[in-house]
Amino acid sequence: MEKSSNKITFKKSLKVSSLAAATLLVLRMIHKLLFNYAETKNYFHQLFSADNLVLALFVSISTVIFIWIIMSFIFGIVYYTYRKIKEKVLKE
């Protein structure tokens, strides 16, 4: 009998993929801070010197959250499909 914790569900795969997507976004930001510091500094300078700071921050944060959600769904679908195929191959 198969354990319920090993059984793959779309909810579990989405949870794992959202953590992976968040990690990738954080690592990408750290990479930009370390290797493209001038570009990052220029972006933040433009962001905080905008005429409407609240709107600029809202758009920036919304963009990051939107990218994170899209990446999570794409990675989740790929991971779920991979695990289902792997599960079927192991049963045969």
PDB file of N, CA and C in Angstrom:
ATOM      1  N   MET A   1       0.840  -1.176   0.000  1.00  0.00           N
ATOM      2  CA  MET A   1       0.000   0.000   0.000  1.00  0.00           C
ATOM      3  C   MET A   1       0.887   1.242   0.000  1.00  0.00           C
ATOM      4  N   GLU A   2       0.510   2.202  -0.776  1.00  0.00           N
ATOM      5  CA  GLU A   2       1.296   3.416  -0.952  1.00  0.00           C
ATOM      6  C   GLU A   2       0.983   4.413   0.149  1.00  0.00           C
ATOM      7  N   LYS A   3       2.022   5.060   0.657  1.00  0.00           N
ATOM      8  CA  LYS A   3       1.817   6.074   1.683  1.00  0.00           C
ATOM      9  C   LYS A   3       1.181   7.309   1.069  1.00  0.00           C
ATOM     10  N   SER A   4       0.334   7.979   1.851  1.00  0.00           N
ATOM     11  CA  SER A   4      -0.333   9.168   1.332  1.00  0.00           C
ATOM     12  C   SER A   4       0.642  10.335   1.171  1.00  0.00           C
ATOM     13  N   SER A   5       1.742  10.339   1.952  1.00  0.00           N
ATOM     14  CA  SER A   5       2.704  11.427   1.841  1.00  0.00           C
ATOM     15  C   SER A   5       3.517  11.329   0.546  1.00  0.00           C
ATOM     16  N   ASN A   6       3.655  10.118  -0.004  1.00  0.00           N
ATOM     17  CA  ASN A   6       4.391   9.948  -1.250  1.00  0.00           C
ATOM     18  C   ASN A   6       3.522  10.193  -2.475  1.00  0.00           C
ATOM     19  N   LYS A   7       2.216  10.160  -2.296  1.00  0.00           N
ATOM     20  CA  LYS A   7       1.317  10.359  -3.429  1.00  0.00           C
ATOM     21  C   LYS A   7       1.341  11.820  -3.848  1.00  0.00           C
ATOM     22  N   ILE A   8       1.518  12.031  -5.125  1.00  0.00           N
ATOM     23  CA  ILE A   8       1.635  13.393  -5.642  1.00  0.00           C
ATOM     24  C   ILE A   8       0.244  13.957  -5.925  1.00  0.00           C
ATOM     25  N   THR A   9       0.028  15.167  -5.484  1.00  0.00           N
ATOM     26  CA  THR A   9      -1.194  15.896  -5.806  1.00  0.00           C
ATOM     27  C   THR A   9      -0.769  17.225  -6.417  1.00  0.00           C
ATOM     28  N   PHE A  10      -1.689  17.842  -7.128  1.00  0.00           N
ATOM     29  CA  PHE A  10      -1.361  19.116  -7.751  1.00  0.00           C
ATOM     30  C   PHE A  10      -1.096  20.175  -6.693  1.00  0.00           C
ATOM     31  N   LYS A  11      -1.783  20.086  -5.560  1.00  0.00           N
ATOM     32  CA  LYS A  11      -1.584  21.058  -4.483  1.00  0.00           C
ATOM     33  C   LYS A  11      -0.162  20.963  -3.926  1.00  0.00           C
ATOM     34  N   LYS A  12       0.318  19.727  -3.727  1.00  0.00           N
ATOM     35  CA  LYS A  12       1.685  19.542  -3.241  1.00  0.00           C
ATOM     36  C   LYS A  12       2.708  20.030  -4.256  1.00  0.00           C
ATOM     37  N   SER A  13       2.474  19.721  -5.521  1.00  0.00           N
ATOM     38  CA  SER A  13       3.428  20.145  -6.542  1.00  0.00           C
ATOM     39  C   SER A  13       3.426  21.662  -6.689  1.00  0.00           C
ATOM     40  N   LEU A  14       2.268  22.290  -6.518  1.00  0.00           N
ATOM     41  CA  LEU A  14       2.199  23.748  -6.584  1.00  0.00           C
ATOM     42  C   LEU A  14       2.928  24.375  -5.397  1.00  0.00           C
ATOM     43  N   LYS A  15       2.823  23.758  -4.234  1.00  0.00           N
ATOM     44  CA  LYS A  15       3.518  24.264  -3.049  1.00  0.00           C
ATOM     45  C   LYS A  15       5.034  24.180  -3.234  1.00  0.00           C
ATOM     46  N   VAL A  16       5.502  23.042  -3.735  1.00  0.00           N
ATOM     47  CA  VAL A  16       6.936  22.871  -3.967  1.00  0.00           C
ATOM     48  C   VAL A  16       7.423  23.836  -5.041  1.00  0.00           C
ATOM     49  N   SER A  17       6.654  23.992  -6.097  1.00  0.00           N
ATOM     50  CA  SER A  17       7.079  24.860  -7.186  1.00  0.00           C
ATOM     51  C   SER A  17       7.042  26.335  -6.789  1.00  0.00           C
ATOM     52  N   SER A  18       6.117  26.720  -5.908  1.00  0.00           N
ATOM     53  CA  SER A  18       6.093  28.121  -5.474  1.00  0.00           C
ATOM     54  C   SER A  18       7.315  28.441  -4.625  1.00  0.00           C
ATOM     55  N   LEU A  19       7.759  27.486  -3.818  1.00  0.00           N
ATOM     56  CA  LEU A  19       8.989  27.684  -3.058  1.00  0.00           C
ATOM     57  C   LEU A  19      10.197  27.766  -3.988  1.00  0.00           C
ATOM     58  N   ALA A  20      10.213  26.927  -5.017  1.00  0.00           N
ATOM     59  CA  ALA A  20      11.312  26.957  -5.982  1.00  0.00           C
ATOM     60  C   ALA A  20      11.321  28.275  -6.753  1.00  0.00           C
ATOM     61  N   ALA A  21      10.158  28.751  -7.152  1.00  0.00           N
ATOM     62  CA  ALA A  21      10.079  30.014  -7.891  1.00  0.00           C
ATOM     63  C   ALA A  21      10.513  31.178  -7.010  1.00  0.00           C
ATOM     64  N   ALA A  22      10.105  31.193  -5.764  1.00  0.00           N
ATOM     65  CA  ALA A  22      10.514  32.259  -4.853  1.00  0.00           C
ATOM     66  C   ALA A  22      12.020  32.237  -4.638  1.00  0.00           C
ATOM     67  N   THR A  23      12.581  31.043  -4.511  1.00  0.00           N
ATOM     68  CA  THR A  23      14.026  30.907  -4.353  1.00  0.00           C
ATOM     69  C   THR A  23      14.754  31.432  -5.582  1.00  0.00           C
ATOM     70  N   LEU A  24      14.256  31.098  -6.769  1.00  0.00           N
ATOM     71  CA  LEU A  24      14.881  31.590  -7.991  1.00  0.00           C
ATOM     72  C   LEU A  24      14.814  33.111  -8.088  1.00  0.00           C
ATOM     73  N   LEU A  25      13.695  33.694  -7.718  1.00  0.00           N
ATOM     74  CA  LEU A  25      13.574  35.151  -7.756  1.00  0.00           C
ATOM     75  C   LEU A  25      14.527  35.824  -6.769  1.00  0.00           C
ATOM     76  N   VAL A  26      14.656  35.269  -5.578  1.00  0.00           N
ATOM     77  CA  VAL A  26      15.567  35.829  -4.579  1.00  0.00           C
ATOM     78  C   VAL A  26      17.016  35.680  -5.044  1.00  0.00           C
ATOM     79  N   LEU A  27      17.364  34.507  -5.569  1.00  0.00           N
ATOM     80  CA  LEU A  27      18.724  34.300  -6.060  1.00  0.00           C
ATOM     81  C   LEU A  27      19.046  35.219  -7.231  1.00  0.00           C
ATOM     82  N   ARG A  28      18.070  35.460  -8.092  1.00  0.00           N
ATOM     83  CA  ARG A  28      18.280  36.372  -9.217  1.00  0.00           C
ATOM     84  C   ARG A  28      18.523  37.796  -8.710  1.00  0.00           C
ATOM     85  N   MET A  29      17.797  38.204  -7.694  1.00  0.00           N
ATOM     86  CA  MET A  29      17.989  39.539  -7.134  1.00  0.00           C
ATOM     87  C   MET A  29      19.357  39.654  -6.473  1.00  0.00           C
ATOM     88  N   ILE A  30      19.770  38.640  -5.740  1.00  0.00           N
ATOM     89  CA  ILE A  30      21.099  38.647  -5.124  1.00  0.00           C
ATOM     90  C   ILE A  30      22.180  38.704  -6.196  1.00  0.00           C
ATOM     91  N   HIS A  31      22.003  37.954  -7.279  1.00  0.00           N
ATOM     92  CA  HIS A  31      22.962  37.972  -8.384  1.00  0.00           C
ATOM     93  C   HIS A  31      23.064  39.367  -8.996  1.00  0.00           C
ATOM     94  N   LYS A  32      21.916  40.005  -9.195  1.00  0.00           N
ATOM     95  CA  LYS A  32      21.926  41.369  -9.749  1.00  0.00           C
ATOM     96  C   LYS A  32      22.598  42.345  -8.793  1.00  0.00           C
ATOM     97  N   LEU A  33      22.369  42.177  -7.494  1.00  0.00           N
ATOM     98  CA  LEU A  33      23.006  43.064  -6.523  1.00  0.00           C
ATOM     99  C   LEU A  33      24.522  42.894  -6.502  1.00  0.00           C
ATOM    100  N   LEU A  34      24.983  41.671  -6.664  1.00  0.00           N
ATOM    101  CA  LEU A  34      26.418  41.417  -6.621  1.00  0.00           C
ATOM    102  C   LEU A  34      27.135  41.769  -7.916  1.00  0.00           C
ATOM    103  N   PHE A  35      26.538  41.450  -9.056  1.00  0.00           N
ATOM    104  CA  PHE A  35      27.249  41.578 -10.321  1.00  0.00           C
ATOM    105  C   PHE A  35      26.782  42.749 -11.189  1.00  0.00           C
ATOM    106  N   ASN A  36      25.596  43.275 -10.962  1.00  0.00           N
ATOM    107  CA  ASN A  36      25.088  44.431 -11.701  1.00  0.00           C
ATOM    108  C   ASN A  36      24.623  45.492 -10.721  1.00  0.00           C
ATOM    109  N   TYR A  37      25.514  45.856  -9.810  1.00  0.00           N
ATOM    110  CA  TYR A  37      25.129  46.770  -8.737  1.00  0.00           C
ATOM    111  C   TYR A  37      24.703  48.137  -9.278  1.00  0.00           C
ATOM    112  N   ALA A  38      25.419  48.628 -10.284  1.00  0.00           N
ATOM    113  CA  ALA A  38      25.095  49.953 -10.830  1.00  0.00           C
ATOM    114  C   ALA A  38      23.700  49.961 -11.455  1.00  0.00           C
ATOM    115  N   GLU A  39      23.357  48.899 -12.179  1.00  0.00           N
ATOM    116  CA  GLU A  39      22.030  48.803 -12.797  1.00  0.00           C
ATOM    117  C   GLU A  39      20.936  48.724 -11.731  1.00  0.00           C
ATOM    118  N   THR A  40      21.176  47.936 -10.691  1.00  0.00           N
ATOM    119  CA  THR A  40      20.206  47.801  -9.608  1.00  0.00           C
ATOM    120  C   THR A  40      20.053  49.114  -8.842  1.00  0.00           C
ATOM    121  N   LYS A  41      21.177  49.768  -8.578  1.00  0.00           N
ATOM    122  CA  LYS A  41      21.137  51.049  -7.882  1.00  0.00           C
ATOM    123  C   LYS A  41      20.376  52.086  -8.709  1.00  0.00           C
ATOM    124  N   ASN A  42      20.581  52.095 -10.017  1.00  0.00           N
ATOM    125  CA  ASN A  42      19.878  53.013 -10.907  1.00  0.00           C
ATOM    126  C   ASN A  42      18.372  52.724 -10.901  1.00  0.00           C
ATOM    127  N   TYR A  43      17.997  51.436 -10.909  1.00  0.00           N
ATOM    128  CA  TYR A  43      16.577  51.068 -10.870  1.00  0.00           C
ATOM    129  C   TYR A  43      15.915  51.578  -9.588  1.00  0.00           C
ATOM    130  N   PHE A  44      16.554  51.341  -8.451  1.00  0.00           N
ATOM    131  CA  PHE A  44      15.968  51.776  -7.187  1.00  0.00           C
ATOM    132  C   PHE A  44      15.944  53.302  -7.087  1.00  0.00           C
ATOM    133  N   HIS A  45      16.946  53.962  -7.638  1.00  0.00           N
ATOM    134  CA  HIS A  45      16.943  55.423  -7.649  1.00  0.00           C
ATOM    135  C   HIS A  45      15.759  55.949  -8.468  1.00  0.00           C
ATOM    136  N   GLN A  46      15.534  55.351  -9.631  1.00  0.00           N
ATOM    137  CA  GLN A  46      14.393  55.758 -10.454  1.00  0.00           C
ATOM    138  C   GLN A  46      13.065  55.444  -9.761  1.00  0.00           C
ATOM    139  N   LEU A  47      13.031  54.298  -9.086  1.00  0.00           N
ATOM    140  CA  LEU A  47      11.806  53.897  -8.396  1.00  0.00           C
ATOM    141  C   LEU A  47      11.448  54.881  -7.282  1.00  0.00           C
ATOM    142  N   PHE A  48      12.428  55.227  -6.452  1.00  0.00           N
ATOM    143  CA  PHE A  48      12.136  56.082  -5.300  1.00  0.00           C
ATOM    144  C   PHE A  48      12.080  57.563  -5.645  1.00  0.00           C
ATOM    145  N   SER A  49      12.520  57.930  -6.844  1.00  0.00           N
ATOM    146  CA  SER A  49      12.405  59.332  -7.240  1.00  0.00           C
ATOM    147  C   SER A  49      11.228  59.558  -8.192  1.00  0.00           C
ATOM    148  N   ALA A  50      10.335  58.589  -8.276  1.00  0.00           N
ATOM    149  CA  ALA A  50       9.162  58.705  -9.142  1.00  0.00           C
ATOM    150  C   ALA A  50       8.212  59.763  -8.593  1.00  0.00           C
ATOM    151  N   ASP A  51       7.425  60.341  -9.498  1.00  0.00           N
ATOM    152  CA  ASP A  51       6.462  61.371  -9.086  1.00  0.00           C
ATOM    153  C   ASP A  51       5.413  60.797  -8.130  1.00  0.00           C
ATOM    154  N   ASN A  52       4.933  59.612  -8.443  1.00  0.00           N
ATOM    155  CA  ASN A  52       3.938  58.957  -7.606  1.00  0.00           C
ATOM    156  C   ASN A  52       4.567  57.694  -7.023  1.00  0.00           C
ATOM    157  N   LEU A  53       5.179  57.834  -5.860  1.00  0.00           N
ATOM    158  CA  LEU A  53       5.942  56.740  -5.243  1.00  0.00           C
ATOM    159  C   LEU A  53       5.059  55.543  -4.911  1.00  0.00           C
ATOM    160  N   VAL A  54       3.868  55.794  -4.419  1.00  0.00           N
ATOM    161  CA  VAL A  54       2.964  54.701  -4.041  1.00  0.00           C
ATOM    162  C   VAL A  54       2.601  53.860  -5.266  1.00  0.00           C
ATOM    163  N   LEU A  55       2.292  54.520  -6.358  1.00  0.00           N
ATOM    164  CA  LEU A  55       1.952  53.802  -7.582  1.00  0.00           C
ATOM    165  C   LEU A  55       3.145  53.030  -8.127  1.00  0.00           C
ATOM    166  N   ALA A  56       4.321  53.632  -8.076  1.00  0.00           N
ATOM    167  CA  ALA A  56       5.527  52.959  -8.560  1.00  0.00           C
ATOM    168  C   ALA A  56       5.831  51.716  -7.726  1.00  0.00           C
ATOM    169  N   LEU A  57       5.726  51.825  -6.414  1.00  0.00           N
ATOM    170  CA  LEU A  57       5.951  50.665  -5.544  1.00  0.00           C
ATOM    171  C   LEU A  57       4.892  49.595  -5.776  1.00  0.00           C
ATOM    172  N   PHE A  58       3.647  50.016  -5.929  1.00  0.00           N
ATOM    173  CA  PHE A  58       2.561  49.061  -6.180  1.00  0.00           C
ATOM    174  C   PHE A  58       2.792  48.294  -7.483  1.00  0.00           C
ATOM    175  N   VAL A  59       3.188  48.992  -8.525  1.00  0.00           N
ATOM    176  CA  VAL A  59       3.434  48.347  -9.814  1.00  0.00           C
ATOM    177  C   VAL A  59       4.623  47.393  -9.720  1.00  0.00           C
ATOM    178  N   SER A  60       5.686  47.798  -9.036  1.00  0.00           N
ATOM    179  CA  SER A  60       6.865  46.943  -8.892  1.00  0.00           C
ATOM    180  C   SER A  60       6.542  45.681  -8.098  1.00  0.00           C
ATOM    181  N   ILE A  61       5.870  45.842  -6.985  1.00  0.00           N
ATOM    182  CA  ILE A  61       5.528  44.686  -6.147  1.00  0.00           C
ATOM    183  C   ILE A  61       4.529  43.783  -6.863  1.00  0.00           C
ATOM    184  N   SER A  62       3.561  44.366  -7.536  1.00  0.00           N
ATOM    185  CA  SER A  62       2.582  43.576  -8.291  1.00  0.00           C
ATOM    186  C   SER A  62       3.248  42.780  -9.416  1.00  0.00           C
ATOM    187  N   THR A  63       4.222  43.379 -10.062  1.00  0.00           N
ATOM    188  CA  THR A  63       4.940  42.685 -11.127  1.00  0.00           C
ATOM    189  C   THR A  63       5.696  41.482 -10.588  1.00  0.00           C
ATOM    190  N   VAL A  64       6.378  41.654  -9.461  1.00  0.00           N
ATOM    191  CA  VAL A  64       7.119  40.542  -8.853  1.00  0.00           C
ATOM    192  C   VAL A  64       6.159  39.429  -8.433  1.00  0.00           C
ATOM    193  N   ILE A  65       5.044  39.790  -7.824  1.00  0.00           N
ATOM    194  CA  ILE A  65       4.071  38.773  -7.398  1.00  0.00           C
ATOM    195  C   ILE A  65       3.464  38.066  -8.603  1.00  0.00           C
ATOM    196  N   PHE A  66       3.160  38.799  -9.671  1.00  0.00           N
ATOM    197  CA  PHE A  66       2.614  38.194 -10.875  1.00  0.00           C
ATOM    198  C   PHE A  66       3.614  37.211 -11.499  1.00  0.00           C
ATOM    199  N   ILE A  67       4.869  37.612 -11.588  1.00  0.00           N
ATOM    200  CA  ILE A  67       5.903  36.714 -12.131  1.00  0.00           C
ATOM    201  C   ILE A  67       6.034  35.481 -11.259  1.00  0.00           C
ATOM    202  N   TRP A  68       5.975  35.658  -9.926  1.00  0.00           N
ATOM    203  CA  TRP A  68       6.084  34.534  -9.012  1.00  0.00           C
ATOM    204  C   TRP A  68       4.915  33.555  -9.194  1.00  0.00           C
ATOM    205  N   ILE A  69       3.716  34.068  -9.352  1.00  0.00           N
ATOM    206  CA  ILE A  69       2.539  33.208  -9.534  1.00  0.00           C
ATOM    207  C   ILE A  69       2.623  32.451 -10.860  1.00  0.00           C
ATOM    208  N   ILE A  70       2.982  33.141 -11.928  1.00  0.00           N
ATOM    209  CA  ILE A  70       3.089  32.483 -13.238  1.00  0.00           C
ATOM    210  C   ILE A  70       4.174  31.410 -13.214  1.00  0.00           C
ATOM    211  N   MET A  71       5.337  31.729 -12.629  1.00  0.00           N
ATOM    212  CA  MET A  71       6.409  30.736 -12.528  1.00  0.00           C
ATOM    213  C   MET A  71       5.959  29.541 -11.696  1.00  0.00           C
ATOM    214  N   SER A  72       5.229  29.786 -10.618  1.00  0.00           N
ATOM    215  CA  SER A  72       4.758  28.696  -9.759  1.00  0.00           C
ATOM    216  C   SER A  72       3.819  27.771 -10.516  1.00  0.00           C
ATOM    217  N   PHE A  73       2.885  28.337 -11.286  1.00  0.00           N
ATOM    218  CA  PHE A  73       1.968  27.498 -12.046  1.00  0.00           C
ATOM    219  C   PHE A  73       2.693  26.703 -13.131  1.00  0.00           C
ATOM    220  N   ILE A  74       3.604  27.337 -13.834  1.00  0.00           N
ATOM    221  CA  ILE A  74       4.330  26.626 -14.891  1.00  0.00           C
ATOM    222  C   ILE A  74       5.183  25.518 -14.289  1.00  0.00           C
ATOM    223  N   PHE A  75       5.971  25.846 -13.245  1.00  0.00           N
ATOM    224  CA  PHE A  75       6.793  24.826 -12.596  1.00  0.00           C
ATOM    225  C   PHE A  75       5.923  23.741 -11.970  1.00  0.00           C
ATOM    226  N   GLY A  76       4.778  24.116 -11.399  1.00  0.00           N
ATOM    227  CA  GLY A  76       3.886  23.144 -10.773  1.00  0.00           C
ATOM    228  C   GLY A  76       3.326  22.159 -11.776  1.00  0.00           C
ATOM    229  N   ILE A  77       2.919  22.651 -12.932  1.00  0.00           N
ATOM    230  CA  ILE A  77       2.387  21.763 -13.972  1.00  0.00           C
ATOM    231  C   ILE A  77       3.468  20.823 -14.471  1.00  0.00           C
ATOM    232  N   VAL A  78       4.664  21.353 -14.700  1.00  0.00           N
ATOM    233  CA  VAL A  78       5.770  20.516 -15.176  1.00  0.00           C
ATOM    234  C   VAL A  78       6.151  19.477 -14.121  1.00  0.00           C
ATOM    235  N   TYR A  79       6.256  19.892 -12.870  1.00  0.00           N
ATOM    236  CA  TYR A  79       6.624  18.970 -11.793  1.00  0.00           C
ATOM    237  C   TYR A  79       5.554  17.903 -11.579  1.00  0.00           C
ATOM    238  N   TYR A  80       4.295  18.302 -11.613  1.00  0.00           N
ATOM    239  CA  TYR A  80       3.200  17.353 -11.435  1.00  0.00           C
ATOM    240  C   TYR A  80       3.199  16.317 -12.568  1.00  0.00           C
ATOM    241  N   THR A  81       3.375  16.786 -13.801  1.00  0.00           N
ATOM    242  CA  THR A  81       3.408  15.884 -14.944  1.00  0.00           C
ATOM    243  C   THR A  81       4.601  14.928 -14.838  1.00  0.00           C
ATOM    244  N   TYR A  82       5.757  15.467 -14.455  1.00  0.00           N
ATOM    245  CA  TYR A  82       6.958  14.641 -14.296  1.00  0.00           C
ATOM    246  C   TYR A  82       6.738  13.564 -13.241  1.00  0.00           C
ATOM    247  N   ARG A  83       6.178  13.934 -12.098  1.00  0.00           N
ATOM    248  CA  ARG A  83       5.950  12.962 -11.028  1.00  0.00           C
ATOM    249  C   ARG A  83       4.916  11.905 -11.419  1.00  0.00           C
ATOM    250  N   LYS A  84       3.873  12.313 -12.157  1.00  0.00           N
ATOM    251  CA  LYS A  84       2.859  11.348 -12.596  1.00  0.00           C
ATOM    252  C   LYS A  84       3.468  10.351 -13.589  1.00  0.00           C
ATOM    253  N   ILE A  85       4.273  10.845 -14.517  1.00  0.00           N
ATOM    254  CA  ILE A  85       4.921   9.946 -15.480  1.00  0.00           C
ATOM    255  C   ILE A  85       5.895   9.027 -14.757  1.00  0.00           C
ATOM    256  N   LYS A  86       6.652   9.569 -13.831  1.00  0.00           N
ATOM    257  CA  LYS A  86       7.601   8.754 -13.066  1.00  0.00           C
ATOM    258  C   LYS A  86       6.866   7.689 -12.249  1.00  0.00           C
ATOM    259  N   GLU A  87       5.718   8.057 -11.695  1.00  0.00           N
ATOM    260  CA  GLU A  87       4.900   7.125 -10.912  1.00  0.00           C
ATOM    261  C   GLU A  87       4.401   5.983 -11.788  1.00  0.00           C
ATOM    262  N   LYS A  88       3.948   6.304 -13.019  1.00  0.00           N
ATOM    263  CA  LYS A  88       3.458   5.276 -13.921  1.00  0.00           C
ATOM    264  C   LYS A  88       4.563   4.352 -14.386  1.00  0.00           C
ATOM    265  N   VAL A  89       5.741   4.909 -14.632  1.00  0.00           N
ATOM    266  CA  VAL A  89       6.871   4.093 -15.092  1.00  0.00           C
ATOM    267  C   VAL A  89       7.303   3.139 -13.982  1.00  0.00           C
ATOM    268  N   LEU A  90       7.304   3.587 -12.748  1.00  0.00           N
ATOM    269  CA  LEU A  90       7.710   2.730 -11.634  1.00  0.00           C
ATOM    270  C   LEU A  90       6.698   1.627 -11.372  1.00  0.00           C
ATOM    271  N   LYS A  91       5.421   1.843 -11.667  1.00  0.00           N
ATOM    272  CA  LYS A  91       4.402   0.817 -11.465  1.00  0.00           C
ATOM    273  C   LYS A  91       4.537  -0.311 -12.479  1.00  0.00           C
ATOM    274  N   GLU A  92       5.037   0.020 -13.664  1.00  0.00           N
ATOM    275  CA  GLU A  92       5.128  -0.992 -14.728  1.00  0.00           C
ATOM    276  C   GLU A  92       6.306  -1.867 -14.567  1.00  0.00           C
TER     277      GLU A  92
END
